[in-house]
Amino acid sequence: MRGLLLNLFLNLRSKYKILDIYYELIFWNPSNSSSYPNCENIIFWIKYLWKIYMFVQVDIFSPKLCNESASIRESVAIILPYRNRQEHLYTFLQHMHPILTRQRLEYKIYLVNQDGKDPFNRGKLINIGFTEAMKEKKWGCIIMHDVDYMPLNDNNLYTCWKNPHRMMAASSKWLYQYAWPYKTFFGSVAAIKPEQFRSVNGFFNEYYGWGAEDDDLAKRIGYKGMQIDILDENEGLRIGKYKMLPHMKAHPAEDRGEKLKHTKSNMIQNGLNNLKYKIISKKNEALYTNLTVNLLYNT
């Protein structure tokens, strides 16, 4: 029996060589982390992730789970737009919880899972995650986070600045170079205060397919007189690096270039203020809240 299981594992591993990168990250300890002490209870839960799904539920993670007198750096809602990325999700959870607890954050991870086979809509999913998260708590900071990006240094604090800011300064996708296709890039991993997100009316709801929703949001931020900040090059290359897990590229959003031409007028009438969706289910899992939603596409 043991030999049969071993052969099955080896066959799966050879079929899905992509798993190598997941193992590398799951067992990797972030550098320069000694200044942020571990919360042993939460680390224990993460270590036995496959067991705790059965019987443990945590509403909001907080340093006070470990020490009632502990100070909280900031309250943060982390929103993950999601569909069919289970292997990424497991890696994300095991990688991120130790980092977030070391940073002494009060936080909750909201996974917003798009139901059905309609084109993926990252912006609308984040709008939904924001709306549902703010119903539960007056969060001080919103982190919009793709599930396939992993920070490589936990001194990159998951907090908000005065201005909206892009947290990722370099990634494996661009060979960890401090270089971007354009200055106002605001995708992948970004932080924004709730009042700032409301002031721009959130994301445009009609970018079905890959791309442009983050560019549209960046333009909205600019139209409201705000700028997008980022770590300078020295700090960015020291603490702002992210590992991108490999994945299949999605189909581009239709007419995205044309829609981007009308951001200024669209931001008044399309976003948080006309958001329509249906919650299929809401479940507090052990390490995140799972919101499965129907986007009411073409309705």
C-alpha atoms as a PDB file:
ATOM      1  CA  MET A   1       0.000   0.000   0.000  1.00  0.00           C
ATOM      2  CA  ARG A   2       2.818   2.394   0.920  1.00  0.00           C
ATOM      3  CA  GLY A   3       4.519   1.682  -2.419  1.00  0.00           C
ATOM      4  CA  LEU A   4       1.288   2.347  -4.295  1.00  0.00           C
ATOM      5  CA  LEU A   5       0.846   5.708  -2.576  1.00  0.00           C
ATOM      6  CA  LEU A   6       4.465   6.643  -3.265  1.00  0.00           C
ATOM      7  CA  ASN A   7       4.091   5.827  -6.967  1.00  0.00           C
ATOM      8  CA  LEU A   8       0.884   7.852  -7.111  1.00  0.00           C
ATOM      9  CA  PHE A   9       2.632  10.814  -5.489  1.00  0.00           C
ATOM     10  CA  LEU A  10       5.602  10.610  -7.870  1.00  0.00           C
ATOM     11  CA  ASN A  11       3.304  10.393 -10.891  1.00  0.00           C
ATOM     12  CA  LEU A  12       1.356  13.425  -9.771  1.00  0.00           C
ATOM     13  CA  ARG A  13       4.527  15.326  -8.988  1.00  0.00           C
ATOM     14  CA  SER A  14       5.987  14.628 -12.421  1.00  0.00           C
ATOM     15  CA  LYS A  15       2.706  15.597 -14.054  1.00  0.00           C
ATOM     16  CA  TYR A  16       2.472  18.814 -12.102  1.00  0.00           C
ATOM     17  CA  LYS A  17       6.051  20.051 -11.905  1.00  0.00           C
ATOM     18  CA  ILE A  18       4.584  23.375 -10.973  1.00  0.00           C
ATOM     19  CA  LEU A  19       4.272  22.019  -7.429  1.00  0.00           C
ATOM     20  CA  ASP A  20       8.012  22.424  -6.891  1.00  0.00           C
ATOM     21  CA  ILE A  21       7.576  26.161  -6.481  1.00  0.00           C
ATOM     22  CA  TYR A  22       4.773  25.658  -3.960  1.00  0.00           C
ATOM     23  CA  TYR A  23       6.897  23.399  -1.783  1.00  0.00           C
ATOM     24  CA  GLU A  24       9.719  25.921  -1.985  1.00  0.00           C
ATOM     25  CA  LEU A  25       7.491  28.696  -0.647  1.00  0.00           C
ATOM     26  CA  ILE A  26       5.534  26.687   1.906  1.00  0.00           C
ATOM     27  CA  PHE A  27       8.662  25.682   3.812  1.00  0.00           C
ATOM     28  CA  TRP A  28      10.538  28.944   3.298  1.00  0.00           C
ATOM     29  CA  ASN A  29      11.001  31.388   6.163  1.00  0.00           C
ATOM     30  CA  PRO A  30      10.885  35.074   5.126  1.00  0.00           C
ATOM     31  CA  SER A  31      14.118  36.959   5.554  1.00  0.00           C
ATOM     32  CA  ASN A  32      14.716  39.734   8.062  1.00  0.00           C
ATOM     33  CA  SER A  33      11.789  38.605  10.176  1.00  0.00           C
ATOM     34  CA  SER A  34      13.394  38.448  13.610  1.00  0.00           C
ATOM     35  CA  SER A  35      11.893  41.786  14.642  1.00  0.00           C
ATOM     36  CA  TYR A  36       8.379  40.382  14.314  1.00  0.00           C
ATOM     37  CA  PRO A  37       7.867  37.609  16.899  1.00  0.00           C
ATOM     38  CA  ASN A  38       5.764  34.611  15.919  1.00  0.00           C
ATOM     39  CA  CYS A  39       2.361  33.949  17.377  1.00  0.00           C
ATOM     40  CA  GLU A  40       2.861  30.281  18.201  1.00  0.00           C
ATOM     41  CA  ASN A  41      -0.855  29.439  18.326  1.00  0.00           C
ATOM     42  CA  ILE A  42      -1.487  30.637  14.797  1.00  0.00           C
ATOM     43  CA  ILE A  43       1.726  29.117  13.465  1.00  0.00           C
ATOM     44  CA  PHE A  44       0.579  25.810  14.949  1.00  0.00           C
ATOM     45  CA  TRP A  45      -2.750  26.085  13.160  1.00  0.00           C
ATOM     46  CA  ILE A  46      -1.087  26.833   9.841  1.00  0.00           C
ATOM     47  CA  LYS A  47       1.354  23.947  10.219  1.00  0.00           C
ATOM     48  CA  TYR A  48      -1.596  21.589  10.531  1.00  0.00           C
ATOM     49  CA  LEU A  49      -3.736  23.300   7.917  1.00  0.00           C
ATOM     50  CA  TRP A  50      -5.218  20.113   6.519  1.00  0.00           C
ATOM     51  CA  LYS A  51      -6.503  19.162   9.991  1.00  0.00           C
ATOM     52  CA  ILE A  52      -7.904  22.439  11.250  1.00  0.00           C
ATOM     53  CA  TYR A  53     -10.282  22.886   8.346  1.00  0.00           C
ATOM     54  CA  MET A  54     -12.396  20.288  10.114  1.00  0.00           C
ATOM     55  CA  PHE A  55     -12.940  21.967  13.462  1.00  0.00           C
ATOM     56  CA  VAL A  56     -11.377  25.427  13.898  1.00  0.00           C
ATOM     57  CA  GLN A  57     -12.910  28.730  12.818  1.00  0.00           C
ATOM     58  CA  VAL A  58     -11.372  32.125  13.466  1.00  0.00           C
ATOM     59  CA  ASP A  59     -13.327  35.293  12.756  1.00  0.00           C
ATOM     60  CA  ILE A  60     -10.577  37.927  12.839  1.00  0.00           C
ATOM     61  CA  PHE A  61      -6.893  37.255  13.427  1.00  0.00           C
ATOM     62  CA  SER A  62      -5.275  39.541  15.973  1.00  0.00           C
ATOM     63  CA  PRO A  63      -2.122  39.736  18.114  1.00  0.00           C
ATOM     64  CA  LYS A  64      -4.513  39.550  21.056  1.00  0.00           C
ATOM     65  CA  LEU A  65      -5.167  35.894  20.215  1.00  0.00           C
ATOM     66  CA  CYS A  66      -1.656  35.275  21.530  1.00  0.00           C
ATOM     67  CA  ASN A  67      -1.318  38.049  24.091  1.00  0.00           C
ATOM     68  CA  GLU A  68      -4.247  40.093  25.377  1.00  0.00           C
ATOM     69  CA  SER A  69      -1.989  43.077  26.037  1.00  0.00           C
ATOM     70  CA  ALA A  70      -0.419  43.032  22.568  1.00  0.00           C
ATOM     71  CA  SER A  71      -0.636  46.207  20.500  1.00  0.00           C
ATOM     72  CA  ILE A  72      -2.266  46.206  17.070  1.00  0.00           C
ATOM     73  CA  ARG A  73      -0.410  47.939  14.238  1.00  0.00           C
ATOM     74  CA  GLU A  74      -3.473  48.329  11.996  1.00  0.00           C
ATOM     75  CA  SER A  75      -6.771  46.636  11.128  1.00  0.00           C
ATOM     76  CA  VAL A  76      -6.603  45.278   7.596  1.00  0.00           C
ATOM     77  CA  ALA A  77      -9.050  43.535   5.269  1.00  0.00           C
ATOM     78  CA  ILE A  78      -7.254  41.512   2.604  1.00  0.00           C
ATOM     79  CA  ILE A  79      -9.415  40.910  -0.455  1.00  0.00           C
ATOM     80  CA  LEU A  80      -8.602  38.058  -2.841  1.00  0.00           C
ATOM     81  CA  PRO A  81     -10.481  37.977  -6.166  1.00  0.00           C
ATOM     82  CA  TYR A  82     -10.556  34.290  -6.989  1.00  0.00           C
ATOM     83  CA  ARG A  83     -11.638  31.427  -9.220  1.00  0.00           C
ATOM     84  CA  ASN A  84     -10.181  27.935  -9.649  1.00  0.00           C
ATOM     85  CA  ARG A  85      -6.768  28.574  -8.070  1.00  0.00           C
ATOM     86  CA  GLN A  86      -6.834  26.067  -5.222  1.00  0.00           C
ATOM     87  CA  GLU A  87      -3.129  25.236  -5.347  1.00  0.00           C
ATOM     88  CA  HIS A  88      -2.328  28.961  -5.227  1.00  0.00           C
ATOM     89  CA  LEU A  89      -4.734  29.487  -2.339  1.00  0.00           C
ATOM     90  CA  TYR A  90      -3.142  26.823  -0.132  1.00  0.00           C
ATOM     91  CA  THR A  91       0.285  28.301  -0.755  1.00  0.00           C
ATOM     92  CA  PHE A  92      -0.988  31.831  -0.116  1.00  0.00           C
ATOM     93  CA  LEU A  93      -2.565  30.924   3.221  1.00  0.00           C
ATOM     94  CA  GLN A  94       0.444  29.057   4.548  1.00  0.00           C
ATOM     95  CA  HIS A  95       2.798  31.765   3.339  1.00  0.00           C
ATOM     96  CA  MET A  96       0.845  34.844   4.406  1.00  0.00           C
ATOM     97  CA  HIS A  97      -0.529  34.087   7.865  1.00  0.00           C
ATOM     98  CA  PRO A  98       2.901  33.888   9.555  1.00  0.00           C
ATOM     99  CA  ILE A  99       3.903  37.166   7.894  1.00  0.00           C
ATOM    100  CA  LEU A 100       0.716  38.984   8.851  1.00  0.00           C
ATOM    101  CA  THR A 101       0.837  37.795  12.457  1.00  0.00           C
ATOM    102  CA  ARG A 102       4.492  38.827  12.814  1.00  0.00           C
ATOM    103  CA  GLN A 103       3.475  42.300  11.659  1.00  0.00           C
ATOM    104  CA  ARG A 104       1.024  42.552  14.590  1.00  0.00           C
ATOM    105  CA  LEU A 105      -1.973  43.168  12.368  1.00  0.00           C
ATOM    106  CA  GLU A 106      -5.612  42.692  13.155  1.00  0.00           C
ATOM    107  CA  TYR A 107      -6.771  41.220   9.873  1.00  0.00           C
ATOM    108  CA  LYS A 108      -9.157  39.034   7.960  1.00  0.00           C
ATOM    109  CA  ILE A 109      -8.759  37.425   4.539  1.00  0.00           C
ATOM    110  CA  TYR A 110     -11.822  37.633   2.302  1.00  0.00           C
ATOM    111  CA  LEU A 111     -11.721  35.250  -0.638  1.00  0.00           C
ATOM    112  CA  VAL A 112     -14.293  36.414  -3.204  1.00  0.00           C
ATOM    113  CA  ASN A 113     -14.961  33.401  -5.387  1.00  0.00           C
ATOM    114  CA  GLN A 114     -16.636  34.012  -8.757  1.00  0.00           C
ATOM    115  CA  ASP A 115     -19.297  31.397  -9.446  1.00  0.00           C
ATOM    116  CA  GLY A 116     -20.106  30.095 -12.925  1.00  0.00           C
ATOM    117  CA  LYS A 117     -18.261  30.207 -16.232  1.00  0.00           C
ATOM    118  CA  ASP A 118     -18.693  33.859 -17.174  1.00  0.00           C
ATOM    119  CA  PRO A 119     -15.499  35.829 -17.907  1.00  0.00           C
ATOM    120  CA  PHE A 120     -13.515  36.643 -14.776  1.00  0.00           C
ATOM    121  CA  ASN A 121     -14.056  40.142 -13.378  1.00  0.00           C
ATOM    122  CA  ARG A 122     -11.346  41.072 -10.883  1.00  0.00           C
ATOM    123  CA  GLY A 123     -12.528  44.639 -10.289  1.00  0.00           C
ATOM    124  CA  LYS A 124     -16.123  43.739  -9.524  1.00  0.00           C
ATOM    125  CA  LEU A 125     -15.024  40.943  -7.194  1.00  0.00           C
ATOM    126  CA  ILE A 126     -12.914  43.411  -5.213  1.00  0.00           C
ATOM    127  CA  ASN A 127     -15.870  45.820  -5.070  1.00  0.00           C
ATOM    128  CA  ILE A 128     -17.967  42.996  -3.615  1.00  0.00           C
ATOM    129  CA  GLY A 129     -15.253  41.995  -1.159  1.00  0.00           C
ATOM    130  CA  PHE A 130     -14.908  45.600  -0.006  1.00  0.00           C
ATOM    131  CA  THR A 131     -18.670  46.004   0.429  1.00  0.00           C
ATOM    132  CA  GLU A 132     -19.064  42.796   2.424  1.00  0.00           C
ATOM    133  CA  ALA A 133     -15.941  43.398   4.524  1.00  0.00           C
ATOM    134  CA  MET A 134     -17.064  46.884   5.544  1.00  0.00           C
ATOM    135  CA  LYS A 135     -20.412  45.466   6.662  1.00  0.00           C
ATOM    136  CA  GLU A 136     -18.537  43.390   9.235  1.00  0.00           C
ATOM    137  CA  LYS A 137     -16.049  45.916  10.580  1.00  0.00           C
ATOM    138  CA  LYS A 138     -14.745  49.438  10.110  1.00  0.00           C
ATOM    139  CA  TRP A 139     -11.414  48.355   8.633  1.00  0.00           C
ATOM    140  CA  GLY A 140      -8.577  50.876   8.565  1.00  0.00           C
ATOM    141  CA  CYS A 141      -6.912  49.552   5.423  1.00  0.00           C
ATOM    142  CA  ILE A 142      -7.836  47.501   2.361  1.00  0.00           C
ATOM    143  CA  ILE A 143      -5.269  45.293   0.613  1.00  0.00           C
ATOM    144  CA  MET A 144      -6.256  44.156  -2.884  1.00  0.00           C
ATOM    145  CA  HIS A 145      -4.204  41.017  -3.435  1.00  0.00           C
ATOM    146  CA  ASP A 146      -3.876  38.560  -6.310  1.00  0.00           C
ATOM    147  CA  VAL A 147      -3.624  35.027  -4.948  1.00  0.00           C
ATOM    148  CA  ASP A 148      -0.563  34.143  -7.044  1.00  0.00           C
ATOM    149  CA  TYR A 149       1.811  36.775  -5.603  1.00  0.00           C
ATOM    150  CA  MET A 150       3.876  36.030  -2.487  1.00  0.00           C
ATOM    151  CA  PRO A 151       5.930  38.679  -0.640  1.00  0.00           C
ATOM    152  CA  LEU A 152       9.534  37.640  -0.056  1.00  0.00           C
ATOM    153  CA  ASN A 153      10.260  39.912   2.895  1.00  0.00           C
ATOM    154  CA  ASP A 154       7.899  40.542   5.778  1.00  0.00           C
ATOM    155  CA  ASN A 155       9.349  43.970   6.507  1.00  0.00           C
ATOM    156  CA  ASN A 156       7.082  45.056   3.650  1.00  0.00           C
ATOM    157  CA  LEU A 157       4.290  46.065   6.007  1.00  0.00           C
ATOM    158  CA  TYR A 158       0.710  45.283   5.021  1.00  0.00           C
ATOM    159  CA  THR A 159      -0.578  48.679   6.075  1.00  0.00           C
ATOM    160  CA  CYS A 160      -1.888  51.794   4.350  1.00  0.00           C
ATOM    161  CA  TRP A 161       0.051  54.988   3.684  1.00  0.00           C
ATOM    162  CA  LYS A 162      -1.244  58.526   3.270  1.00  0.00           C
ATOM    163  CA  ASN A 163      -1.787  57.856  -0.444  1.00  0.00           C
ATOM    164  CA  PRO A 164      -2.837  54.633  -2.147  1.00  0.00           C
ATOM    165  CA  HIS A 165       0.299  52.614  -2.748  1.00  0.00           C
ATOM    166  CA  ARG A 166       1.541  49.722  -4.785  1.00  0.00           C
ATOM    167  CA  MET A 167       3.140  47.212  -2.434  1.00  0.00           C
ATOM    168  CA  MET A 168       5.022  45.212  -5.035  1.00  0.00           C
ATOM    169  CA  ALA A 169       8.197  46.956  -6.181  1.00  0.00           C
ATOM    170  CA  ALA A 170       9.724  44.019  -8.074  1.00  0.00           C
ATOM    171  CA  SER A 171       8.577  40.537  -9.021  1.00  0.00           C
ATOM    172  CA  SER A 172       9.897  37.303 -10.454  1.00  0.00           C
ATOM    173  CA  LYS A 173       7.786  38.029 -13.546  1.00  0.00           C
ATOM    174  CA  TRP A 174      10.228  40.835 -14.389  1.00  0.00           C
ATOM    175  CA  LEU A 175      13.315  39.081 -12.952  1.00  0.00           C
ATOM    176  CA  TYR A 176      13.103  41.181  -9.775  1.00  0.00           C
ATOM    177  CA  GLN A 177      13.990  44.365 -11.622  1.00  0.00           C
ATOM    178  CA  TYR A 178      12.729  47.721 -10.359  1.00  0.00           C
ATOM    179  CA  ALA A 179      10.947  48.388 -13.635  1.00  0.00           C
ATOM    180  CA  TRP A 180       7.305  48.703 -14.653  1.00  0.00           C
ATOM    181  CA  PRO A 181       5.420  49.096 -17.918  1.00  0.00           C
ATOM    182  CA  TYR A 182       4.117  52.471 -16.699  1.00  0.00           C
ATOM    183  CA  LYS A 183       4.330  54.668 -13.613  1.00  0.00           C
ATOM    184  CA  THR A 184       0.704  54.373 -12.518  1.00  0.00           C
ATOM    185  CA  PHE A 185       0.600  50.551 -12.489  1.00  0.00           C
ATOM    186  CA  PHE A 186      -1.723  49.638  -9.613  1.00  0.00           C
ATOM    187  CA  GLY A 187      -2.319  45.909 -10.004  1.00  0.00           C
ATOM    188  CA  SER A 188      -1.317  42.643  -8.308  1.00  0.00           C
ATOM    189  CA  VAL A 189      -0.910  43.868  -4.696  1.00  0.00           C
ATOM    190  CA  ALA A 190      -2.047  47.345  -3.658  1.00  0.00           C
ATOM    191  CA  ALA A 191      -3.197  49.138  -0.503  1.00  0.00           C
ATOM    192  CA  ILE A 192      -5.846  51.819  -0.199  1.00  0.00           C
ATOM    193  CA  LYS A 193      -7.826  53.361   2.662  1.00  0.00           C
ATOM    194  CA  PRO A 194     -11.582  52.671   2.686  1.00  0.00           C
ATOM    195  CA  GLU A 195     -12.458  56.364   2.400  1.00  0.00           C
ATOM    196  CA  GLN A 196     -10.148  56.690  -0.621  1.00  0.00           C
ATOM    197  CA  PHE A 197     -11.725  53.663  -2.281  1.00  0.00           C
ATOM    198  CA  ARG A 198     -15.196  55.085  -1.706  1.00  0.00           C
ATOM    199  CA  SER A 199     -14.169  58.506  -3.017  1.00  0.00           C
ATOM    200  CA  VAL A 200     -13.322  57.029  -6.440  1.00  0.00           C
ATOM    201  CA  ASN A 201     -16.450  54.828  -6.400  1.00  0.00           C
ATOM    202  CA  GLY A 202     -14.351  51.655  -6.387  1.00  0.00           C
ATOM    203  CA  PHE A 203     -13.628  49.768  -9.598  1.00  0.00           C
ATOM    204  CA  PHE A 204     -15.534  49.999 -12.866  1.00  0.00           C
ATOM    205  CA  ASN A 205     -17.784  46.913 -12.872  1.00  0.00           C
ATOM    206  CA  GLU A 206     -17.658  46.044 -16.567  1.00  0.00           C
ATOM    207  CA  TYR A 207     -14.135  44.722 -17.197  1.00  0.00           C
ATOM    208  CA  TYR A 208     -14.967  41.075 -17.861  1.00  0.00           C
ATOM    209  CA  GLY A 209     -11.737  39.304 -18.797  1.00  0.00           C
ATOM    210  CA  TRP A 210      -8.091  40.024 -18.033  1.00  0.00           C
ATOM    211  CA  GLY A 211      -6.649  43.509 -17.668  1.00  0.00           C
ATOM    212  CA  ALA A 212      -7.496  47.236 -17.573  1.00  0.00           C
ATOM    213  CA  GLU A 213      -9.491  47.293 -14.326  1.00  0.00           C
ATOM    214  CA  ASP A 214      -6.407  48.352 -12.354  1.00  0.00           C
ATOM    215  CA  ASP A 215      -5.523  51.008 -14.945  1.00  0.00           C
ATOM    216  CA  ASP A 216      -9.059  52.348 -14.711  1.00  0.00           C
ATOM    217  CA  LEU A 217      -8.798  52.531 -10.916  1.00  0.00           C
ATOM    218  CA  ALA A 218      -5.444  54.323 -11.177  1.00  0.00           C
ATOM    219  CA  LYS A 219      -7.050  56.929 -13.432  1.00  0.00           C
ATOM    220  CA  ARG A 220      -9.911  57.377 -10.960  1.00  0.00           C
ATOM    221  CA  ILE A 221      -7.372  57.954  -8.187  1.00  0.00           C
ATOM    222  CA  GLY A 222      -5.647  60.587 -10.308  1.00  0.00           C
ATOM    223  CA  TYR A 223      -8.912  62.334 -11.136  1.00  0.00           C
ATOM    224  CA  LYS A 224      -9.540  62.708  -7.390  1.00  0.00           C
ATOM    225  CA  GLY A 225      -6.221  64.496  -6.934  1.00  0.00           C
ATOM    226  CA  MET A 226      -4.407  61.592  -5.293  1.00  0.00           C
ATOM    227  CA  GLN A 227      -1.173  59.963  -6.372  1.00  0.00           C
ATOM    228  CA  ILE A 228      -0.038  56.354  -6.260  1.00  0.00           C
ATOM    229  CA  ASP A 229       3.050  55.861  -4.102  1.00  0.00           C
ATOM    230  CA  ILE A 230       5.632  53.081  -4.161  1.00  0.00           C
ATOM    231  CA  LEU A 231       8.777  52.183  -2.249  1.00  0.00           C
ATOM    232  CA  ASP A 232      11.860  53.897  -3.652  1.00  0.00           C
ATOM    233  CA  GLU A 233      14.274  51.728  -5.610  1.00  0.00           C
ATOM    234  CA  ASN A 234      16.619  50.901  -2.720  1.00  0.00           C
ATOM    235  CA  GLU A 235      13.848  49.936  -0.321  1.00  0.00           C
ATOM    236  CA  GLY A 236      11.815  48.327  -3.085  1.00  0.00           C
ATOM    237  CA  LEU A 237      14.600  45.949  -4.043  1.00  0.00           C
ATOM    238  CA  ARG A 238      15.307  45.224  -0.382  1.00  0.00           C
ATOM    239  CA  ILE A 239      11.814  44.484   0.934  1.00  0.00           C
ATOM    240  CA  GLY A 240       9.337  44.883  -1.946  1.00  0.00           C
ATOM    241  CA  LYS A 241      10.048  41.721  -3.951  1.00  0.00           C
ATOM    242  CA  TYR A 242       7.286  39.231  -4.763  1.00  0.00           C
ATOM    243  CA  LYS A 243       7.296  35.727  -6.178  1.00  0.00           C
ATOM    244  CA  MET A 244       4.690  35.134  -8.874  1.00  0.00           C
ATOM    245  CA  LEU A 245       3.346  31.591  -9.034  1.00  0.00           C
ATOM    246  CA  PRO A 246       2.899  30.319 -12.614  1.00  0.00           C
ATOM    247  CA  HIS A 247      -0.594  30.214 -14.068  1.00  0.00           C
ATOM    248  CA  MET A 248      -2.513  30.173 -17.329  1.00  0.00           C
ATOM    249  CA  LYS A 249      -3.078  33.622 -18.792  1.00  0.00           C
ATOM    250  CA  ALA A 250      -6.721  34.650 -19.009  1.00  0.00           C
ATOM    251  CA  HIS A 251      -8.491  36.064 -22.042  1.00  0.00           C
ATOM    252  CA  PRO A 252      -8.203  39.870 -22.328  1.00  0.00           C
ATOM    253  CA  ALA A 253     -11.162  42.053 -21.437  1.00  0.00           C
ATOM    254  CA  GLU A 254     -13.197  43.064 -24.471  1.00  0.00           C
ATOM    255  CA  ASP A 255     -13.057  46.698 -25.585  1.00  0.00           C
ATOM    256  CA  ARG A 256     -10.838  47.572 -22.645  1.00  0.00           C
ATOM    257  CA  GLY A 257      -9.045  50.316 -24.541  1.00  0.00           C
ATOM    258  CA  GLU A 258     -12.321  51.965 -25.468  1.00  0.00           C
ATOM    259  CA  LYS A 259     -13.659  51.719 -21.922  1.00  0.00           C
ATOM    260  CA  LEU A 260     -10.494  53.313 -20.535  1.00  0.00           C
ATOM    261  CA  LYS A 261     -11.202  56.390 -22.639  1.00  0.00           C
ATOM    262  CA  HIS A 262     -14.349  57.031 -20.598  1.00  0.00           C
ATOM    263  CA  THR A 263     -13.043  56.523 -17.059  1.00  0.00           C
ATOM    264  CA  LYS A 264     -13.821  60.073 -15.927  1.00  0.00           C
ATOM    265  CA  SER A 265     -17.503  59.869 -16.846  1.00  0.00           C
ATOM    266  CA  ASN A 266     -17.885  56.218 -15.843  1.00  0.00           C
ATOM    267  CA  MET A 267     -16.539  56.757 -12.336  1.00  0.00           C
ATOM    268  CA  ILE A 268     -19.579  58.853 -11.446  1.00  0.00           C
ATOM    269  CA  GLN A 269     -22.150  56.253 -12.414  1.00  0.00           C
ATOM    270  CA  ASN A 270     -20.417  52.882 -12.353  1.00  0.00           C
ATOM    271  CA  GLY A 271     -18.675  51.294  -9.377  1.00  0.00           C
ATOM    272  CA  LEU A 272     -19.718  50.843  -5.768  1.00  0.00           C
ATOM    273  CA  ASN A 273     -22.863  52.908  -6.284  1.00  0.00           C
ATOM    274  CA  ASN A 274     -24.424  50.562  -8.872  1.00  0.00           C
ATOM    275  CA  LEU A 275     -22.916  47.262  -7.714  1.00  0.00           C
ATOM    276  CA  LYS A 276     -25.233  44.274  -8.222  1.00  0.00           C
ATOM    277  CA  TYR A 277     -24.457  40.706  -7.232  1.00  0.00           C
ATOM    278  CA  LYS A 278     -25.875  37.655  -5.512  1.00  0.00           C
ATOM    279  CA  ILE A 279     -24.175  35.861  -2.631  1.00  0.00           C
ATOM    280  CA  ILE A 280     -24.369  32.112  -3.265  1.00  0.00           C
ATOM    281  CA  SER A 281     -22.718  31.218   0.020  1.00  0.00           C
ATOM    282  CA  LYS A 282     -20.664  32.722   2.813  1.00  0.00           C
ATOM    283  CA  LYS A 283     -18.550  30.426   4.954  1.00  0.00           C
ATOM    284  CA  ASN A 284     -15.967  31.204   7.612  1.00  0.00           C
ATOM    285  CA  GLU A 285     -13.229  28.695   6.894  1.00  0.00           C
ATOM    286  CA  ALA A 286     -10.345  28.137   9.289  1.00  0.00           C
ATOM    287  CA  LEU A 287      -8.023  30.718   7.761  1.00  0.00           C
ATOM    288  CA  TYR A 288     -10.256  32.882   5.572  1.00  0.00           C
ATOM    289  CA  THR A 289     -13.839  33.817   4.774  1.00  0.00           C
ATOM    290  CA  ASN A 290     -15.133  32.270   1.559  1.00  0.00           C
ATOM    291  CA  LEU A 291     -17.650  34.417  -0.313  1.00  0.00           C
ATOM    292  CA  THR A 292     -19.012  32.660  -3.395  1.00  0.00           C
ATOM    293  CA  VAL A 293     -20.851  35.156  -5.577  1.00  0.00           C
ATOM    294  CA  ASN A 294     -22.748  35.397  -8.826  1.00  0.00           C
ATOM    295  CA  LEU A 295     -21.877  38.594 -10.698  1.00  0.00           C
ATOM    296  CA  LEU A 296     -25.225  38.698 -12.548  1.00  0.00           C
ATOM    297  CA  TYR A 297     -23.406  38.965 -15.866  1.00  0.00           C
ATOM    298  CA  ASN A 298     -25.490  40.553 -18.644  1.00  0.00           C
ATOM    299  CA  THR A 299     -28.436  41.238 -16.341  1.00  0.00           C
END
